[in-house]
PDB file of N, CA and C in Angstrom:
ATOM      1  N   MET A   1     118.786  80.534 100.457  1.00  0.00           N
ATOM      2  CA  MET A   1     117.342  80.494 100.426  1.00  0.00           C
ATOM      3  C   MET A   1     116.818  81.928 100.281  1.00  0.00           C
ATOM      4  N   PRO A   2     115.900  82.159  99.349  1.00  0.00           N
ATOM      5  CA  PRO A   2     115.385  83.513  99.146  1.00  0.00           C
ATOM      6  C   PRO A   2     114.480  83.956 100.294  1.00  0.00           C
ATOM      7  N   THR A   3     114.423  85.244 100.475  1.00  0.00           N
ATOM      8  CA  THR A   3     113.540  85.835 101.476  1.00  0.00           C
ATOM      9  C   THR A   3     112.300  86.363 100.782  1.00  0.00           C
ATOM     10  N   ILE A   4     111.139  86.087 101.365  1.00  0.00           N
ATOM     11  CA  ILE A   4     109.903  86.639 100.828  1.00  0.00           C
ATOM     12  C   ILE A   4     109.251  87.524 101.870  1.00  0.00           C
ATOM     13  N   THR A   5     108.552  88.528 101.412  1.00  0.00           N
ATOM     14  CA  THR A   5     107.831  89.414 102.317  1.00  0.00           C
ATOM     15  C   THR A   5     106.344  89.192 102.115  1.00  0.00           C
ATOM     16  N   LEU A   6     105.685  88.776 103.158  1.00  0.00           N
ATOM     17  CA  LEU A   6     104.246  88.579 103.106  1.00  0.00           C
ATOM     18  C   LEU A   6     103.548  89.817 103.640  1.00  0.00           C
ATOM     19  N   PRO A   7     102.331  90.078 103.167  1.00  0.00           N
ATOM     20  CA  PRO A   7     101.584  91.200 103.739  1.00  0.00           C
ATOM     21  C   PRO A   7     101.149  90.853 105.156  1.00  0.00           C
ATOM     22  N   ASP A   8     100.734  91.863 105.889  1.00  0.00           N
ATOM     23  CA  ASP A   8     100.186  91.612 107.220  1.00  0.00           C
ATOM     24  C   ASP A   8      98.822  90.942 107.108  1.00  0.00           C
ATOM     25  N   ALA A   9      98.092  91.282 106.043  1.00  0.00           N
ATOM     26  CA  ALA A   9      96.759  90.732 105.853  1.00  0.00           C
ATOM     27  C   ALA A   9      96.387  90.742 104.375  1.00  0.00           C
ATOM     28  N   TRP A  10      95.368  89.959 104.042  1.00  0.00           N
ATOM     29  CA  TRP A  10      94.755  89.962 102.719  1.00  0.00           C
ATOM     30  C   TRP A  10      93.337  90.485 102.888  1.00  0.00           C
ATOM     31  N   ALA A  11      92.927  91.368 102.015  1.00  0.00           N
ATOM     32  CA  ALA A  11      91.578  91.922 102.085  1.00  0.00           C
ATOM     33  C   ALA A  11      90.785  91.503 100.856  1.00  0.00           C
ATOM     34  N   LEU A  12      89.533  91.104 101.084  1.00  0.00           N
ATOM     35  CA  LEU A  12      88.586  90.896 100.001  1.00  0.00           C
ATOM     36  C   LEU A  12      87.920  92.249  99.800  1.00  0.00           C
ATOM     37  N   VAL A  13      88.093  92.830  98.621  1.00  0.00           N
ATOM     38  CA  VAL A  13      87.614  94.181  98.355  1.00  0.00           C
ATOM     39  C   VAL A  13      86.423  94.110  97.398  1.00  0.00           C
ATOM     40  N   ALA A  14      85.316  94.725  97.828  1.00  0.00           N
ATOM     41  CA  ALA A  14      84.095  94.752  97.026  1.00  0.00           C
ATOM     42  C   ALA A  14      84.275  95.689  95.832  1.00  0.00           C
ATOM     43  N   PRO A  15      83.410  95.575  94.830  1.00  0.00           N
ATOM     44  CA  PRO A  15      83.517  96.433  93.649  1.00  0.00           C
ATOM     45  C   PRO A  15      83.479  97.927  93.971  1.00  0.00           C
ATOM     46  N   CYS A  16      82.839  98.290  95.080  1.00  0.00           N
ATOM     47  CA  CYS A  16      82.737  99.693  95.479  1.00  0.00           C
ATOM     48  C   CYS A  16      84.030 100.207  96.107  1.00  0.00           C
ATOM     49  N   GLY A  17      84.983  99.296  96.409  1.00  0.00           N
ATOM     50  CA  GLY A  17      86.250  99.684  97.013  1.00  0.00           C
ATOM     51  C   GLY A  17      86.312  99.464  98.509  1.00  0.00           C
ATOM     52  N   CYS A  18      85.206  99.052  99.112  1.00  0.00           N
ATOM     53  CA  CYS A  18      85.171  98.810 100.554  1.00  0.00           C
ATOM     54  C   CYS A  18      85.698  97.417 100.879  1.00  0.00           C
ATOM     55  N   THR A  19      86.296  97.291 102.057  1.00  0.00           N
ATOM     56  CA  THR A  19      86.790  96.009 102.525  1.00  0.00           C
ATOM     57  C   THR A  19      85.616  95.146 102.956  1.00  0.00           C
ATOM     58  N   ASP A  20      85.515  93.958 102.370  1.00  0.00           N
ATOM     59  CA  ASP A  20      84.409  93.044 102.659  1.00  0.00           C
ATOM     60  C   ASP A  20      84.871  91.879 103.524  1.00  0.00           C
ATOM     61  N   GLY A  21      86.171  91.650 103.615  1.00  0.00           N
ATOM     62  CA  GLY A  21      86.711  90.576 104.428  1.00  0.00           C
ATOM     63  C   GLY A  21      88.193  90.795 104.632  1.00  0.00           C
ATOM     64  N   LEU A  22      88.729  90.205 105.685  1.00  0.00           N
ATOM     65  CA  LEU A  22      90.138  90.394 106.011  1.00  0.00           C
ATOM     66  C   LEU A  22      90.654  89.133 106.689  1.00  0.00           C
ATOM     67  N   CYS A  23      91.836  88.673 106.287  1.00  0.00           N
ATOM     68  CA  CYS A  23      92.477  87.559 106.969  1.00  0.00           C
ATOM     69  C   CYS A  23      93.974  87.846 107.068  1.00  0.00           C
ATOM     70  N   THR A  24      94.596  87.275 108.079  1.00  0.00           N
ATOM     71  CA  THR A  24      96.026  87.480 108.253  1.00  0.00           C
ATOM     72  C   THR A  24      96.812  86.467 107.432  1.00  0.00           C
ATOM     73  N   ALA A  25      97.991  86.855 107.023  1.00  0.00           N
ATOM     74  CA  ALA A  25      98.853  85.978 106.234  1.00  0.00           C
ATOM     75  C   ALA A  25      99.706  85.093 107.126  1.00  0.00           C
ATOM     76  N   VAL A  26     100.007  85.580 108.330  1.00  0.00           N
ATOM     77  CA  VAL A  26     100.854  84.847 109.273  1.00  0.00           C
ATOM     78  C   VAL A  26     100.227  84.916 110.662  1.00  0.00           C
ATOM     79  N   VAL A  27     100.141  83.769 111.330  1.00  0.00           N
ATOM     80  CA  VAL A  27      99.615  83.717 112.692  1.00  0.00           C
ATOM     81  C   VAL A  27     100.645  83.011 113.566  1.00  0.00           C
ATOM     82  N   ASN A  28     101.080  83.696 114.624  1.00  0.00           N
ATOM     83  CA  ASN A  28     102.070  83.133 115.551  1.00  0.00           C
ATOM     84  C   ASN A  28     103.297  82.587 114.821  1.00  0.00           C
ATOM     85  N   GLY A  29     103.778  83.332 113.829  1.00  0.00           N
ATOM     86  CA  GLY A  29     104.971  82.957 113.097  1.00  0.00           C
ATOM     87  C   GLY A  29     104.767  81.876 112.037  1.00  0.00           C
ATOM     88  N   ARG A  30     103.539  81.403 111.885  1.00  0.00           N
ATOM     89  CA  ARG A  30     103.231  80.352 110.902  1.00  0.00           C
ATOM     90  C   ARG A  30     102.484  80.971 109.727  1.00  0.00           C
ATOM     91  N   ILE A  31     102.937  80.689 108.514  1.00  0.00           N
ATOM     92  CA  ILE A  31     102.264  81.203 107.322  1.00  0.00           C
ATOM     93  C   ILE A  31     100.925  80.485 107.175  1.00  0.00           C
ATOM     94  N   THR A  32      99.837  81.250 107.192  1.00  0.00           N
ATOM     95  CA  THR A  32      98.512  80.652 107.084  1.00  0.00           C
ATOM     96  C   THR A  32      97.896  80.865 105.701  1.00  0.00           C
ATOM     97  N   HIS A  33      98.144  82.010 105.099  1.00  0.00           N
ATOM     98  CA  HIS A  33      97.607  82.338 103.775  1.00  0.00           C
ATOM     99  C   HIS A  33      98.715  83.038 102.991  1.00  0.00           C
ATOM    100  N   PRO A  34      99.513  82.253 102.251  1.00  0.00           N
ATOM    101  CA  PRO A  34     100.711  82.783 101.608  1.00  0.00           C
ATOM    102  C   PRO A  34     100.477  83.663 100.385  1.00  0.00           C
ATOM    103  N   ASP A  35      99.313  83.533  99.741  1.00  0.00           N
ATOM    104  CA  ASP A  35      99.105  84.294  98.514  1.00  0.00           C
ATOM    105  C   ASP A  35      97.630  84.657  98.317  1.00  0.00           C
ATOM    106  N   GLU A  36      97.372  85.468  97.287  1.00  0.00           N
ATOM    107  CA  GLU A  36      96.011  85.927  96.996  1.00  0.00           C
ATOM    108  C   GLU A  36      95.053  84.756  96.795  1.00  0.00           C
ATOM    109  N   ALA A  37      95.484  83.777  96.022  1.00  0.00           N
ATOM    110  CA  ALA A  37      94.611  82.641  95.706  1.00  0.00           C
ATOM    111  C   ALA A  37      94.193  81.899  96.966  1.00  0.00           C
ATOM    112  N   ASP A  38      95.126  81.688  97.879  1.00  0.00           N
ATOM    113  CA  ASP A  38      94.816  80.978  99.113  1.00  0.00           C
ATOM    114  C   ASP A  38      93.864  81.795  99.984  1.00  0.00           C
ATOM    115  N   ALA A  39      94.088  83.096 100.055  1.00  0.00           N
ATOM    116  CA  ALA A  39      93.197  83.962 100.840  1.00  0.00           C
ATOM    117  C   ALA A  39      91.786  83.947 100.261  1.00  0.00           C
ATOM    118  N   TRP A  40      91.681  84.032  98.930  1.00  0.00           N
ATOM    119  CA  TRP A  40      90.357  84.054  98.300  1.00  0.00           C
ATOM    120  C   TRP A  40      89.609  82.751  98.591  1.00  0.00           C
ATOM    121  N   LYS A  41      90.345  81.629  98.626  1.00  0.00           N
ATOM    122  CA  LYS A  41      89.718  80.345  98.947  1.00  0.00           C
ATOM    123  C   LYS A  41      89.163  80.345 100.370  1.00  0.00           C
ATOM    124  N   LEU A  42      89.816  81.071 101.276  1.00  0.00           N
ATOM    125  CA  LEU A  42      89.309  81.172 102.636  1.00  0.00           C
ATOM    126  C   LEU A  42      87.993  81.951 102.644  1.00  0.00           C
ATOM    127  N   PHE A  43      87.970  83.092 101.948  1.00  0.00           N
ATOM    128  CA  PHE A  43      86.759  83.922 101.913  1.00  0.00           C
ATOM    129  C   PHE A  43      85.621  83.229 101.175  1.00  0.00           C
ATOM    130  N   THR A  44      85.949  82.590 100.052  1.00  0.00           N
ATOM    131  CA  THR A  44      84.942  81.999  99.170  1.00  0.00           C
ATOM    132  C   THR A  44      85.439  80.621  98.736  1.00  0.00           C
ATOM    133  N   PRO A  45      85.049  79.578  99.464  1.00  0.00           N
ATOM    134  CA  PRO A  45      85.602  78.247  99.211  1.00  0.00           C
ATOM    135  C   PRO A  45      85.328  77.659  97.819  1.00  0.00           C
ATOM    136  N   LEU A  46      84.164  77.919  97.243  1.00  0.00           N
ATOM    137  CA  LEU A  46      83.832  77.301  95.956  1.00  0.00           C
ATOM    138  C   LEU A  46      84.349  78.119  94.779  1.00  0.00           C
ATOM    139  N   LYS A  47      85.036  77.448  93.853  1.00  0.00           N
ATOM    140  CA  LYS A  47      85.606  78.124  92.687  1.00  0.00           C
ATOM    141  C   LYS A  47      84.546  78.846  91.862  1.00  0.00           C
ATOM    142  N   LYS A  48      83.387  78.239  91.672  1.00  0.00           N
ATOM    143  CA  LYS A  48      82.340  78.887  90.874  1.00  0.00           C
ATOM    144  C   LYS A  48      81.900  80.197  91.525  1.00  0.00           C
ATOM    145  N   ASP A  49      81.903  80.242  92.853  1.00  0.00           N
ATOM    146  CA  ASP A  49      81.538  81.476  93.562  1.00  0.00           C
ATOM    147  C   ASP A  49      82.658  82.511  93.467  1.00  0.00           C
ATOM    148  N   ARG A  50      83.930  82.053  93.534  1.00  0.00           N
ATOM    149  CA  ARG A  50      85.055  82.982  93.363  1.00  0.00           C
ATOM    150  C   ARG A  50      85.042  83.589  91.973  1.00  0.00           C
ATOM    151  N   ASP A  51      84.757  82.753  90.974  1.00  0.00           N
ATOM    152  CA  ASP A  51      84.690  83.246  89.592  1.00  0.00           C
ATOM    153  C   ASP A  51      83.585  84.288  89.446  1.00  0.00           C
ATOM    154  N   LYS A  52      82.444  84.040  90.079  1.00  0.00           N
ATOM    155  CA  LYS A  52      81.316  84.983  90.033  1.00  0.00           C
ATOM    156  C   LYS A  52      81.709  86.309  90.696  1.00  0.00           C
ATOM    157  N   GLU A  53      82.355  86.212  91.855  1.00  0.00           N
ATOM    158  CA  GLU A  53      82.795  87.435  92.546  1.00  0.00           C
ATOM    159  C   GLU A  53      83.778  88.231  91.690  1.00  0.00           C
ATOM    160  N   ALA A  54      84.721  87.532  91.086  1.00  0.00           N
ATOM    161  CA  ALA A  54      85.712  88.218  90.243  1.00  0.00           C
ATOM    162  C   ALA A  54      85.009  88.934  89.089  1.00  0.00           C
ATOM    163  N   LYS A  55      84.015  88.284  88.514  1.00  0.00           N
ATOM    164  CA  LYS A  55      83.251  88.883  87.411  1.00  0.00           C
ATOM    165  C   LYS A  55      82.491  90.125  87.879  1.00  0.00           C
ATOM    166  N   GLN A  56      82.039  90.102  89.142  1.00  0.00           N
ATOM    167  CA  GLN A  56      81.326  91.240  89.719  1.00  0.00           C
ATOM    168  C   GLN A  56      82.268  92.389  90.071  1.00  0.00           C
ATOM    169  N   GLY A  57      83.575  92.109  90.124  1.00  0.00           N
ATOM    170  CA  GLY A  57      84.538  93.156  90.429  1.00  0.00           C
ATOM    171  C   GLY A  57      85.229  93.040  91.774  1.00  0.00           C
ATOM    172  N   TYR A  58      84.960  91.956  92.505  1.00  0.00           N
ATOM    173  CA  TYR A  58      85.687  91.730  93.754  1.00  0.00           C
ATOM    174  C   TYR A  58      87.142  91.420  93.429  1.00  0.00           C
ATOM    175  N   LYS A  59      88.026  91.719  94.385  1.00  0.00           N
ATOM    176  CA  LYS A  59      89.444  91.405  94.212  1.00  0.00           C
ATOM    177  C   LYS A  59      90.086  91.214  95.578  1.00  0.00           C
ATOM    178  N   ILE A  60      91.275  90.648  95.563  1.00  0.00           N
ATOM    179  CA  ILE A  60      92.055  90.455  96.783  1.00  0.00           C
ATOM    180  C   ILE A  60      93.207  91.458  96.758  1.00  0.00           C
ATOM    181  N   GLU A  61      93.423  92.136  97.879  1.00  0.00           N
ATOM    182  CA  GLU A  61      94.529  93.102  97.994  1.00  0.00           C
ATOM    183  C   GLU A  61      95.393  92.760  99.203  1.00  0.00           C
ATOM    184  N   ALA A  62      96.680  92.963  99.067  1.00  0.00           N
ATOM    185  CA  ALA A  62      97.606  92.812 100.181  1.00  0.00           C
ATOM    186  C   ALA A  62      97.530  94.074 101.030  1.00  0.00           C
ATOM    187  N   ARG A  63      97.556  93.911 102.342  1.00  0.00           N
ATOM    188  CA  ARG A  63      97.538  95.047 103.271  1.00  0.00           C
ATOM    189  C   ARG A  63      98.776  94.982 104.146  1.00  0.00           C
ATOM    190  N   TYR A  64      99.428  96.130 104.282  1.00  0.00           N
ATOM    191  CA  TYR A  64     100.654  96.223 105.068  1.00  0.00           C
ATOM    192  C   TYR A  64     100.495  97.273 106.156  1.00  0.00           C
ATOM    193  N   GLY A  65     101.093  97.012 107.308  1.00  0.00           N
ATOM    194  CA  GLY A  65     101.102  97.993 108.384  1.00  0.00           C
ATOM    195  C   GLY A  65      99.721  98.344 108.886  1.00  0.00           C
ATOM    196  N   LYS A  66      99.532  99.620 109.176  1.00  0.00           N
ATOM    197  CA  LYS A  66      98.284 100.072 109.791  1.00  0.00           C
ATOM    198  C   LYS A  66      97.319 100.671 108.778  1.00  0.00           C
ATOM    199  N   GLN A  67      97.204 100.045 107.601  1.00  0.00           N
ATOM    200  CA  GLN A  67      96.264 100.543 106.602  1.00  0.00           C
ATOM    201  C   GLN A  67      94.849 100.482 107.162  1.00  0.00           C
ATOM    202  N   SER A  68      94.025 101.430 106.728  1.00  0.00           N
ATOM    203  CA  SER A  68      92.634 101.459 107.154  1.00  0.00           C
ATOM    204  C   SER A  68      91.908 100.213 106.644  1.00  0.00           C
ATOM    205  N   ILE A  69      91.136  99.609 107.530  1.00  0.00           N
ATOM    206  CA  ILE A  69      90.349  98.433 107.157  1.00  0.00           C
ATOM    207  C   ILE A  69      88.915  98.608 107.637  1.00  0.00           C
ATOM    208  N   SER A  70      88.189  99.451 106.972  1.00  0.00           N
ATOM    209  CA  SER A  70      86.811  99.737 107.338  1.00  0.00           C
ATOM    210  C   SER A  70      86.005  98.450 107.444  1.00  0.00           C
ATOM    211  N   ALA A  71      85.229  98.337 108.519  1.00  0.00           N
ATOM    212  CA  ALA A  71      84.417  97.142 108.725  1.00  0.00           C
ATOM    213  C   ALA A  71      83.024  97.305 108.136  1.00  0.00           C
ATOM    214  N   ASP A  72      82.715  98.475 107.624  1.00  0.00           N
ATOM    215  CA  ASP A  72      81.388  98.696 107.083  1.00  0.00           C
ATOM    216  C   ASP A  72      81.485  99.419 105.751  1.00  0.00           C
ATOM    217  N   CYS A  73      80.536  99.174 104.918  1.00  0.00           N
ATOM    218  CA  CYS A  73      80.434  99.851 103.632  1.00  0.00           C
ATOM    219  C   CYS A  73      79.454 101.005 103.866  1.00  0.00           C
ATOM    220  N   PRO A  74      79.880 102.260 103.754  1.00  0.00           N
ATOM    221  CA  PRO A  74      79.064 103.390 104.190  1.00  0.00           C
ATOM    222  C   PRO A  74      77.985 103.847 103.207  1.00  0.00           C
ATOM    223  N   HIS A  75      77.740 103.111 102.159  1.00  0.00           N
ATOM    224  CA  HIS A  75      76.783 103.578 101.160  1.00  0.00           C
ATOM    225  C   HIS A  75      75.838 102.475 100.719  1.00  0.00           C
ATOM    226  N   GLU A  76      74.832 102.843  99.957  1.00  0.00           N
ATOM    227  CA  GLU A  76      73.875 101.883  99.403  1.00  0.00           C
ATOM    228  C   GLU A  76      74.088 101.783  97.906  1.00  0.00           C
ATOM    229  N   PRO A  77      73.985 100.650  97.297  1.00  0.00           N
ATOM    230  CA  PRO A  77      73.764  99.365  97.963  1.00  0.00           C
ATOM    231  C   PRO A  77      75.030  98.904  98.683  1.00  0.00           C
ATOM    232  N   LYS A  78      74.835  98.171  99.772  1.00  0.00           N
ATOM    233  CA  LYS A  78      75.980  97.658 100.531  1.00  0.00           C
ATOM    234  C   LYS A  78      76.888  96.863  99.629  1.00  0.00           C
ATOM    235  N   TRP A  79      78.193  97.058  99.764  1.00  0.00           N
ATOM    236  CA  TRP A  79      79.238  96.338  99.045  1.00  0.00           C
ATOM    237  C   TRP A  79      79.150  96.544  97.537  1.00  0.00           C
ATOM    238  N   GLY A  80      78.382  97.531  97.096  1.00  0.00           N
ATOM    239  CA  GLY A  80      78.358  97.866  95.681  1.00  0.00           C
ATOM    240  C   GLY A  80      77.640  96.874  94.797  1.00  0.00           C
ATOM    241  N   ILE A  81      76.894  95.960  95.402  1.00  0.00           N
ATOM    242  CA  ILE A  81      76.180  94.935  94.640  1.00  0.00           C
ATOM    243  C   ILE A  81      74.681  95.166  94.798  1.00  0.00           C
ATOM    244  N   LYS A  82      73.973  95.159  93.682  1.00  0.00           N
ATOM    245  CA  LYS A  82      72.516  95.329  93.742  1.00  0.00           C
ATOM    246  C   LYS A  82      71.829  93.986  93.891  1.00  0.00           C
TER     247      LYS A  82
END
């Protein structure tokens, strides 16, 4: 059986590069969000809204270890969206 390495978390990243959301991939040893697509569905349940976000420049990134996960976007407009 192959071994896979999951990230510690998935981040929804705004077009400005700031973290807009964060979810864990594994909780108490159970895989909760195995891939980017599943994580994005958690952040944005409706496909039409996910498509709109992708068009605006949002993306999902894998996060490992103690990477910085800023809880605020330090500039205007917030999250890089007007």
